[in-house]
Amino acid sequence: MKFVIIICSLLLLSFLLFRNSFPKFFEGLSILLFRLGFSILLLYGVHLLVGSMGYAIPVNLFTGTVAAVLGIPGIISVVAISILI
């Protein structure tokens, strides 16, 4: 129980100290989550298209994160690695 009280106290203290930077943090987090969701959706579409040719493109959190961070080159690299392996 003490652990929960300490964690809640630290969270409240950090919120009070850094309240000006929290909106920027949540904005960056929402942009990252949107990019991750859109990249997984795009990977699923590529999976359906390339899957009709007999290749399997993995759609998971790792490939979604690669595609979210790298963008279109990330999707191309995931497809190329999947085809070459």
PDB file of N, CA and C in Angstrom:
ATOM      1  N   MET A   1       0.822  -1.186   0.000  1.00  0.00           N
ATOM      2  CA  MET A   1       0.000   0.000   0.000  1.00  0.00           C
ATOM      3  C   MET A   1       0.869   1.254   0.000  1.00  0.00           C
ATOM      4  N   LYS A   2       2.006   1.189   0.712  1.00  0.00           N
ATOM      5  CA  LYS A   2       2.912   2.331   0.734  1.00  0.00           C
ATOM      6  C   LYS A   2       3.471   2.608  -0.659  1.00  0.00           C
ATOM      7  N   PHE A   3       3.707   1.533  -1.390  1.00  0.00           N
ATOM      8  CA  PHE A   3       4.252   1.667  -2.735  1.00  0.00           C
ATOM      9  C   PHE A   3       3.295   2.453  -3.631  1.00  0.00           C
ATOM     10  N   VAL A   4       2.014   2.163  -3.542  1.00  0.00           N
ATOM     11  CA  VAL A   4       1.009   2.854  -4.352  1.00  0.00           C
ATOM     12  C   VAL A   4       0.937   4.327  -3.968  1.00  0.00           C
ATOM     13  N   ILE A   5       1.000   4.617  -2.682  1.00  0.00           N
ATOM     14  CA  ILE A   5       0.953   6.007  -2.218  1.00  0.00           C
ATOM     15  C   ILE A   5       2.187   6.772  -2.691  1.00  0.00           C
ATOM     16  N   ILE A   6       3.339   6.135  -2.640  1.00  0.00           N
ATOM     17  CA  ILE A   6       4.570   6.785  -3.095  1.00  0.00           C
ATOM     18  C   ILE A   6       4.507   7.055  -4.593  1.00  0.00           C
ATOM     19  N   ILE A   7       4.056   6.087  -5.373  1.00  0.00           N
ATOM     20  CA  ILE A   7       3.951   6.262  -6.826  1.00  0.00           C
ATOM     21  C   ILE A   7       2.970   7.376  -7.162  1.00  0.00           C
ATOM     22  N   CYS A   8       1.811   7.395  -6.517  1.00  0.00           N
ATOM     23  CA  CYS A   8       0.817   8.447  -6.769  1.00  0.00           C
ATOM     24  C   CYS A   8       1.355   9.815  -6.372  1.00  0.00           C
ATOM     25  N   SER A   9       2.082   9.876  -5.275  1.00  0.00           N
ATOM     26  CA  SER A   9       2.674  11.145  -4.845  1.00  0.00           C
ATOM     27  C   SER A   9       3.717  11.632  -5.840  1.00  0.00           C
ATOM     28  N   LEU A  10       4.543  10.725  -6.335  1.00  0.00           N
ATOM     29  CA  LEU A  10       5.545  11.100  -7.329  1.00  0.00           C
ATOM     30  C   LEU A  10       4.903  11.542  -8.638  1.00  0.00           C
ATOM     31  N   LEU A  11       3.842  10.876  -9.049  1.00  0.00           N
ATOM     32  CA  LEU A  11       3.137  11.289 -10.262  1.00  0.00           C
ATOM     33  C   LEU A  11       2.516  12.669 -10.104  1.00  0.00           C
ATOM     34  N   LEU A  12       1.920  12.937  -8.957  1.00  0.00           N
ATOM     35  CA  LEU A  12       1.332  14.250  -8.698  1.00  0.00           C
ATOM     36  C   LEU A  12       2.409  15.328  -8.658  1.00  0.00           C
ATOM     37  N   LEU A  13       3.527  15.040  -8.018  1.00  0.00           N
ATOM     38  CA  LEU A  13       4.627  15.996  -7.958  1.00  0.00           C
ATOM     39  C   LEU A  13       5.192  16.275  -9.345  1.00  0.00           C
ATOM     40  N   SER A  14       5.380  15.235 -10.150  1.00  0.00           N
ATOM     41  CA  SER A  14       5.894  15.439 -11.503  1.00  0.00           C
ATOM     42  C   SER A  14       4.901  16.203 -12.367  1.00  0.00           C
ATOM     43  N   PHE A  15       3.617  15.981 -12.149  1.00  0.00           N
ATOM     44  CA  PHE A  15       2.613  16.736 -12.898  1.00  0.00           C
ATOM     45  C   PHE A  15       2.665  18.212 -12.523  1.00  0.00           C
ATOM     46  N   LEU A  16       2.841  18.501 -11.245  1.00  0.00           N
ATOM     47  CA  LEU A  16       2.905  19.897 -10.807  1.00  0.00           C
ATOM     48  C   LEU A  16       4.182  20.587 -11.287  1.00  0.00           C
ATOM     49  N   LEU A  17       5.284  19.860 -11.324  1.00  0.00           N
ATOM     50  CA  LEU A  17       6.548  20.458 -11.748  1.00  0.00           C
ATOM     51  C   LEU A  17       6.628  20.642 -13.263  1.00  0.00           C
ATOM     52  N   PHE A  18       6.093  19.695 -14.016  1.00  0.00           N
ATOM     53  CA  PHE A  18       6.238  19.707 -15.470  1.00  0.00           C
ATOM     54  C   PHE A  18       4.909  19.888 -16.186  1.00  0.00           C
ATOM     55  N   ARG A  19       4.003  20.662 -15.635  1.00  0.00           N
ATOM     56  CA  ARG A  19       2.673  20.782 -16.231  1.00  0.00           C
ATOM     57  C   ARG A  19       2.685  21.496 -17.574  1.00  0.00           C
ATOM     58  N   ASN A  20       3.716  22.289 -17.859  1.00  0.00           N
ATOM     59  CA  ASN A  20       3.779  22.967 -19.151  1.00  0.00           C
ATOM     60  C   ASN A  20       4.226  22.038 -20.269  1.00  0.00           C
ATOM     61  N   SER A  21       4.963  20.993 -19.947  1.00  0.00           N
ATOM     62  CA  SER A  21       5.467  20.098 -20.982  1.00  0.00           C
ATOM     63  C   SER A  21       4.545  18.910 -21.243  1.00  0.00           C
ATOM     64  N   PHE A  22       3.530  18.698 -20.408  1.00  0.00           N
ATOM     65  CA  PHE A  22       2.634  17.562 -20.617  1.00  0.00           C
ATOM     66  C   PHE A  22       1.830  17.659 -21.908  1.00  0.00           C
ATOM     67  N   PRO A  23       1.295  18.822 -22.302  1.00  0.00           N
ATOM     68  CA  PRO A  23       0.562  18.863 -23.580  1.00  0.00           C
ATOM     69  C   PRO A  23       1.432  18.485 -24.777  1.00  0.00           C
ATOM     70  N   LYS A  24       2.696  18.893 -24.779  1.00  0.00           N
ATOM     71  CA  LYS A  24       3.595  18.522 -25.875  1.00  0.00           C
ATOM     72  C   LYS A  24       3.859  17.021 -25.864  1.00  0.00           C
ATOM     73  N   PHE A  25       3.992  16.450 -24.676  1.00  0.00           N
ATOM     74  CA  PHE A  25       4.217  15.012 -24.567  1.00  0.00           C
ATOM     75  C   PHE A  25       3.031  14.236 -25.119  1.00  0.00           C
ATOM     76  N   PHE A  26       1.815  14.639 -24.717  1.00  0.00           N
ATOM     77  CA  PHE A  26       0.629  13.927 -25.184  1.00  0.00           C
ATOM     78  C   PHE A  26       0.384  14.157 -26.671  1.00  0.00           C
ATOM     79  N   GLU A  27       0.770  15.323 -27.193  1.00  0.00           N
ATOM     80  CA  GLU A  27       0.644  15.563 -28.629  1.00  0.00           C
ATOM     81  C   GLU A  27       1.590  14.645 -29.400  1.00  0.00           C
ATOM     82  N   GLY A  28       2.820  14.527 -28.927  1.00  0.00           N
ATOM     83  CA  GLY A  28       3.775  13.625 -29.570  1.00  0.00           C
ATOM     84  C   GLY A  28       3.343  12.176 -29.472  1.00  0.00           C
ATOM     85  N   LEU A  29       2.785  11.798 -28.329  1.00  0.00           N
ATOM     86  CA  LEU A  29       2.303  10.433 -28.149  1.00  0.00           C
ATOM     87  C   LEU A  29       1.131  10.137 -29.076  1.00  0.00           C
ATOM     88  N   SER A  30       0.229  11.101 -29.239  1.00  0.00           N
ATOM     89  CA  SER A  30      -0.916  10.872 -30.122  1.00  0.00           C
ATOM     90  C   SER A  30      -0.476  10.787 -31.579  1.00  0.00           C
ATOM     91  N   ILE A  31       0.517  11.577 -31.972  1.00  0.00           N
ATOM     92  CA  ILE A  31       1.033  11.495 -33.339  1.00  0.00           C
ATOM     93  C   ILE A  31       1.685  10.136 -33.569  1.00  0.00           C
ATOM     94  N   LEU A  32       2.462   9.666 -32.599  1.00  0.00           N
ATOM     95  CA  LEU A  32       3.115   8.361 -32.729  1.00  0.00           C
ATOM     96  C   LEU A  32       2.089   7.235 -32.815  1.00  0.00           C
ATOM     97  N   LEU A  33       1.054   7.280 -31.980  1.00  0.00           N
ATOM     98  CA  LEU A  33       0.034   6.229 -32.016  1.00  0.00           C
ATOM     99  C   LEU A  33      -0.765   6.268 -33.313  1.00  0.00           C
ATOM    100  N   PHE A  34      -1.027   7.472 -33.846  1.00  0.00           N
ATOM    101  CA  PHE A  34      -1.719   7.574 -35.129  1.00  0.00           C
ATOM    102  C   PHE A  34      -0.868   6.987 -36.244  1.00  0.00           C
ATOM    103  N   ARG A  35       0.426   7.320 -36.252  1.00  0.00           N
ATOM    104  CA  ARG A  35       1.316   6.771 -37.283  1.00  0.00           C
ATOM    105  C   ARG A  35       1.415   5.255 -37.175  1.00  0.00           C
ATOM    106  N   LEU A  36       1.450   4.740 -35.939  1.00  0.00           N
ATOM    107  CA  LEU A  36       1.520   3.295 -35.734  1.00  0.00           C
ATOM    108  C   LEU A  36       0.260   2.613 -36.248  1.00  0.00           C
ATOM    109  N   GLY A  37      -0.894   3.167 -35.923  1.00  0.00           N
ATOM    110  CA  GLY A  37      -2.151   2.585 -36.400  1.00  0.00           C
ATOM    111  C   GLY A  37      -2.274   2.638 -37.907  1.00  0.00           C
ATOM    112  N   PHE A  38      -1.904   3.764 -38.502  1.00  0.00           N
ATOM    113  CA  PHE A  38      -1.998   3.893 -39.952  1.00  0.00           C
ATOM    114  C   PHE A  38      -1.002   2.978 -40.648  1.00  0.00           C
ATOM    115  N   SER A  39       0.194   2.822 -40.087  1.00  0.00           N
ATOM    116  CA  SER A  39       1.176   1.945 -40.719  1.00  0.00           C
ATOM    117  C   SER A  39       0.747   0.486 -40.635  1.00  0.00           C
ATOM    118  N   ILE A  40       0.108   0.088 -39.535  1.00  0.00           N
ATOM    119  CA  ILE A  40      -0.393  -1.286 -39.441  1.00  0.00           C
ATOM    120  C   ILE A  40      -1.517  -1.504 -40.444  1.00  0.00           C
ATOM    121  N   LEU A  41      -2.375  -0.499 -40.617  1.00  0.00           N
ATOM    122  CA  LEU A  41      -3.438  -0.591 -41.617  1.00  0.00           C
ATOM    123  C   LEU A  41      -2.852  -0.693 -43.023  1.00  0.00           C
ATOM    124  N   LEU A  42      -1.841   0.098 -43.313  1.00  0.00           N
ATOM    125  CA  LEU A  42      -1.192   0.047 -44.619  1.00  0.00           C
ATOM    126  C   LEU A  42      -0.471  -1.284 -44.821  1.00  0.00           C
ATOM    127  N   LEU A  43       0.181  -1.785 -43.778  1.00  0.00           N
ATOM    128  CA  LEU A  43       0.836  -3.092 -43.883  1.00  0.00           C
ATOM    129  C   LEU A  43      -0.173  -4.204 -44.133  1.00  0.00           C
ATOM    130  N   TYR A  44      -1.350  -4.089 -43.542  1.00  0.00           N
ATOM    131  CA  TYR A  44      -2.380  -5.098 -43.773  1.00  0.00           C
ATOM    132  C   TYR A  44      -2.841  -5.064 -45.229  1.00  0.00           C
ATOM    133  N   GLY A  45      -2.977  -3.873 -45.794  1.00  0.00           N
ATOM    134  CA  GLY A  45      -3.331  -3.763 -47.209  1.00  0.00           C
ATOM    135  C   GLY A  45      -2.262  -4.360 -48.105  1.00  0.00           C
ATOM    136  N   VAL A  46      -0.994  -4.085 -47.786  1.00  0.00           N
ATOM    137  CA  VAL A  46       0.112  -4.674 -48.550  1.00  0.00           C
ATOM    138  C   VAL A  46       0.126  -6.183 -48.362  1.00  0.00           C
ATOM    139  N   HIS A  47      -0.193  -6.645 -47.163  1.00  0.00           N
ATOM    140  CA  HIS A  47      -0.267  -8.079 -46.882  1.00  0.00           C
ATOM    141  C   HIS A  47      -1.315  -8.750 -47.772  1.00  0.00           C
ATOM    142  N   LEU A  48      -2.452  -8.096 -47.946  1.00  0.00           N
ATOM    143  CA  LEU A  48      -3.496  -8.664 -48.801  1.00  0.00           C
ATOM    144  C   LEU A  48      -3.073  -8.677 -50.266  1.00  0.00           C
ATOM    145  N   LEU A  49      -2.420  -7.603 -50.716  1.00  0.00           N
ATOM    146  CA  LEU A  49      -1.997  -7.539 -52.115  1.00  0.00           C
ATOM    147  C   LEU A  49      -0.879  -8.526 -52.424  1.00  0.00           C
ATOM    148  N   VAL A  50       0.141  -8.549 -51.584  1.00  0.00           N
ATOM    149  CA  VAL A  50       1.285  -9.428 -51.821  1.00  0.00           C
ATOM    150  C   VAL A  50       0.927 -10.870 -51.485  1.00  0.00           C
ATOM    151  N   GLY A  51      -0.017 -11.061 -50.582  1.00  0.00           N
ATOM    152  CA  GLY A  51      -0.444 -12.413 -50.226  1.00  0.00           C
ATOM    153  C   GLY A  51      -1.106 -13.138 -51.377  1.00  0.00           C
ATOM    154  N   SER A  52      -1.712 -12.382 -52.290  1.00  0.00           N
ATOM    155  CA  SER A  52      -2.324 -13.029 -53.455  1.00  0.00           C
ATOM    156  C   SER A  52      -1.269 -13.580 -54.404  1.00  0.00           C
ATOM    157  N   MET A  53      -0.022 -13.115 -54.276  1.00  0.00           N
ATOM    158  CA  MET A  53       1.069 -13.631 -55.102  1.00  0.00           C
ATOM    159  C   MET A  53       1.815 -14.769 -54.420  1.00  0.00           C
ATOM    160  N   GLY A  54       1.411 -15.115 -53.206  1.00  0.00           N
ATOM    161  CA  GLY A  54       2.023 -16.245 -52.527  1.00  0.00           C
ATOM    162  C   GLY A  54       3.029 -15.882 -51.454  1.00  0.00           C
ATOM    163  N   TYR A  55       3.219 -14.607 -51.176  1.00  0.00           N
ATOM    164  CA  TYR A  55       4.155 -14.182 -50.141  1.00  0.00           C
ATOM    165  C   TYR A  55       3.381 -13.751 -48.907  1.00  0.00           C
ATOM    166  N   ALA A  56       3.969 -13.961 -47.745  1.00  0.00           N
ATOM    167  CA  ALA A  56       3.317 -13.583 -46.489  1.00  0.00           C
ATOM    168  C   ALA A  56       4.084 -12.428 -45.856  1.00  0.00           C
ATOM    169  N   ILE A  57       3.413 -11.295 -45.707  1.00  0.00           N
ATOM    170  CA  ILE A  57       4.001 -10.133 -45.048  1.00  0.00           C
ATOM    171  C   ILE A  57       3.513 -10.138 -43.600  1.00  0.00           C
ATOM    172  N   PRO A  58       4.421 -10.183 -42.630  1.00  0.00           N
ATOM    173  CA  PRO A  58       3.969 -10.203 -41.233  1.00  0.00           C
ATOM    174  C   PRO A  58       3.399  -8.848 -40.819  1.00  0.00           C
ATOM    175  N   VAL A  59       2.275  -8.887 -40.150  1.00  0.00           N
ATOM    176  CA  VAL A  59       1.664  -7.672 -39.614  1.00  0.00           C
ATOM    177  C   VAL A  59       1.649  -7.832 -38.100  1.00  0.00           C
ATOM    178  N   ASN A  60       2.630  -7.222 -37.447  1.00  0.00           N
ATOM    179  CA  ASN A  60       2.712  -7.277 -35.992  1.00  0.00           C
ATOM    180  C   ASN A  60       3.242  -5.949 -35.472  1.00  0.00           C
ATOM    181  N   LEU A  61       3.461  -5.873 -34.186  1.00  0.00           N
ATOM    182  CA  LEU A  61       3.869  -4.613 -33.570  1.00  0.00           C
ATOM    183  C   LEU A  61       5.250  -4.173 -34.053  1.00  0.00           C
ATOM    184  N   PHE A  62       6.164  -5.109 -34.253  1.00  0.00           N
ATOM    185  CA  PHE A  62       7.511  -4.748 -34.695  1.00  0.00           C
ATOM    186  C   PHE A  62       7.495  -4.169 -36.099  1.00  0.00           C
ATOM    187  N   THR A  63       6.837  -4.853 -37.039  1.00  0.00           N
ATOM    188  CA  THR A  63       6.799  -4.337 -38.407  1.00  0.00           C
ATOM    189  C   THR A  63       5.997  -3.042 -38.477  1.00  0.00           C
ATOM    190  N   GLY A  64       4.977  -2.915 -37.651  1.00  0.00           N
ATOM    191  CA  GLY A  64       4.221  -1.666 -37.601  1.00  0.00           C
ATOM    192  C   GLY A  64       5.064  -0.514 -37.084  1.00  0.00           C
ATOM    193  N   THR A  65       5.894  -0.786 -36.076  1.00  0.00           N
ATOM    194  CA  THR A  65       6.767   0.252 -35.538  1.00  0.00           C
ATOM    195  C   THR A  65       7.833   0.649 -36.552  1.00  0.00           C
ATOM    196  N   VAL A  66       8.388  -0.323 -37.260  1.00  0.00           N
ATOM    197  CA  VAL A  66       9.366  -0.017 -38.306  1.00  0.00           C
ATOM    198  C   VAL A  66       8.730   0.853 -39.381  1.00  0.00           C
ATOM    199  N   ALA A  67       7.522   0.498 -39.794  1.00  0.00           N
ATOM    200  CA  ALA A  67       6.837   1.278 -40.818  1.00  0.00           C
ATOM    201  C   ALA A  67       6.439   2.654 -40.296  1.00  0.00           C
ATOM    202  N   ALA A  68       6.093   2.768 -39.017  1.00  0.00           N
ATOM    203  CA  ALA A  68       5.707   4.066 -38.450  1.00  0.00           C
ATOM    204  C   ALA A  68       6.907   4.998 -38.343  1.00  0.00           C
ATOM    205  N   VAL A  69       8.056   4.455 -37.985  1.00  0.00           N
ATOM    206  CA  VAL A  69       9.241   5.294 -37.824  1.00  0.00           C
ATOM    207  C   VAL A  69       9.852   5.644 -39.177  1.00  0.00           C
ATOM    208  N   LEU A  70       9.954   4.678 -40.079  1.00  0.00           N
ATOM    209  CA  LEU A  70      10.630   4.908 -41.351  1.00  0.00           C
ATOM    210  C   LEU A  70       9.704   5.361 -42.474  1.00  0.00           C
ATOM    211  N   GLY A  71       8.412   5.142 -42.331  1.00  0.00           N
ATOM    212  CA  GLY A  71       7.470   5.565 -43.368  1.00  0.00           C
ATOM    213  C   GLY A  71       7.422   4.579 -44.529  1.00  0.00           C
ATOM    214  N   ILE A  72       7.266   5.120 -45.740  1.00  0.00           N
ATOM    215  CA  ILE A  72       7.178   4.284 -46.946  1.00  0.00           C
ATOM    216  C   ILE A  72       8.445   3.437 -47.141  1.00  0.00           C
ATOM    217  N   PRO A  73       9.663   3.970 -46.941  1.00  0.00           N
ATOM    218  CA  PRO A  73      10.838   3.096 -47.045  1.00  0.00           C
ATOM    219  C   PRO A  73      10.814   1.937 -46.049  1.00  0.00           C
ATOM    220  N   GLY A  74      10.211   2.141 -44.896  1.00  0.00           N
ATOM    221  CA  GLY A  74      10.081   1.055 -43.927  1.00  0.00           C
ATOM    222  C   GLY A  74       9.170  -0.042 -44.425  1.00  0.00           C
ATOM    223  N   ILE A  75       8.065   0.339 -45.063  1.00  0.00           N
ATOM    224  CA  ILE A  75       7.146  -0.657 -45.624  1.00  0.00           C
ATOM    225  C   ILE A  75       7.821  -1.407 -46.761  1.00  0.00           C
ATOM    226  N   ILE A  76       8.551  -0.683 -47.604  1.00  0.00           N
ATOM    227  CA  ILE A  76       9.265  -1.332 -48.707  1.00  0.00           C
ATOM    228  C   ILE A  76      10.319  -2.294 -48.167  1.00  0.00           C
ATOM    229  N   SER A  77      11.023  -1.902 -47.104  1.00  0.00           N
ATOM    230  CA  SER A  77      12.045  -2.792 -46.548  1.00  0.00           C
ATOM    231  C   SER A  77      11.427  -4.029 -45.907  1.00  0.00           C
ATOM    232  N   VAL A  78      10.278  -3.882 -45.240  1.00  0.00           N
ATOM    233  CA  VAL A  78       9.600  -5.042 -44.653  1.00  0.00           C
ATOM    234  C   VAL A  78       9.167  -6.001 -45.755  1.00  0.00           C
ATOM    235  N   VAL A  79       8.630  -5.459 -46.845  1.00  0.00           N
ATOM    236  CA  VAL A  79       8.207  -6.307 -47.968  1.00  0.00           C
ATOM    237  C   VAL A  79       9.419  -6.985 -48.600  1.00  0.00           C
ATOM    238  N   ALA A  80      10.508  -6.240 -48.806  1.00  0.00           N
ATOM    239  CA  ALA A  80      11.700  -6.818 -49.425  1.00  0.00           C
ATOM    240  C   ALA A  80      12.302  -7.916 -48.555  1.00  0.00           C
ATOM    241  N   ILE A  81      12.380  -7.684 -47.260  1.00  0.00           N
ATOM    242  CA  ILE A  81      12.932  -8.703 -46.364  1.00  0.00           C
ATOM    243  C   ILE A  81      12.043  -9.937 -46.347  1.00  0.00           C
ATOM    244  N   SER A  82      10.728  -9.738 -46.365  1.00  0.00           N
ATOM    245  CA  SER A  82       9.809 -10.881 -46.352  1.00  0.00           C
ATOM    246  C   SER A  82       9.905 -11.690 -47.636  1.00  0.00           C
ATOM    247  N   ILE A  83      10.092 -11.023 -48.753  1.00  0.00           N
ATOM    248  CA  ILE A  83      10.187 -11.739 -50.029  1.00  0.00           C
ATOM    249  C   ILE A  83      11.530 -12.456 -50.139  1.00  0.00           C
ATOM    250  N   LEU A  84      12.601 -11.813 -49.688  1.00  0.00           N
ATOM    251  CA  LEU A  84      13.928 -12.413 -49.815  1.00  0.00           C
ATOM    252  C   LEU A  84      14.150 -13.563 -48.845  1.00  0.00           C
ATOM    253  N   ILE A  85      13.449 -13.562 -47.729  1.00  0.00           N
ATOM    254  CA  ILE A  85      13.613 -14.657 -46.769  1.00  0.00           C
ATOM    255  C   ILE A  85      12.683 -15.734 -47.191  1.00  0.00           C
TER     256      ILE A  85
END
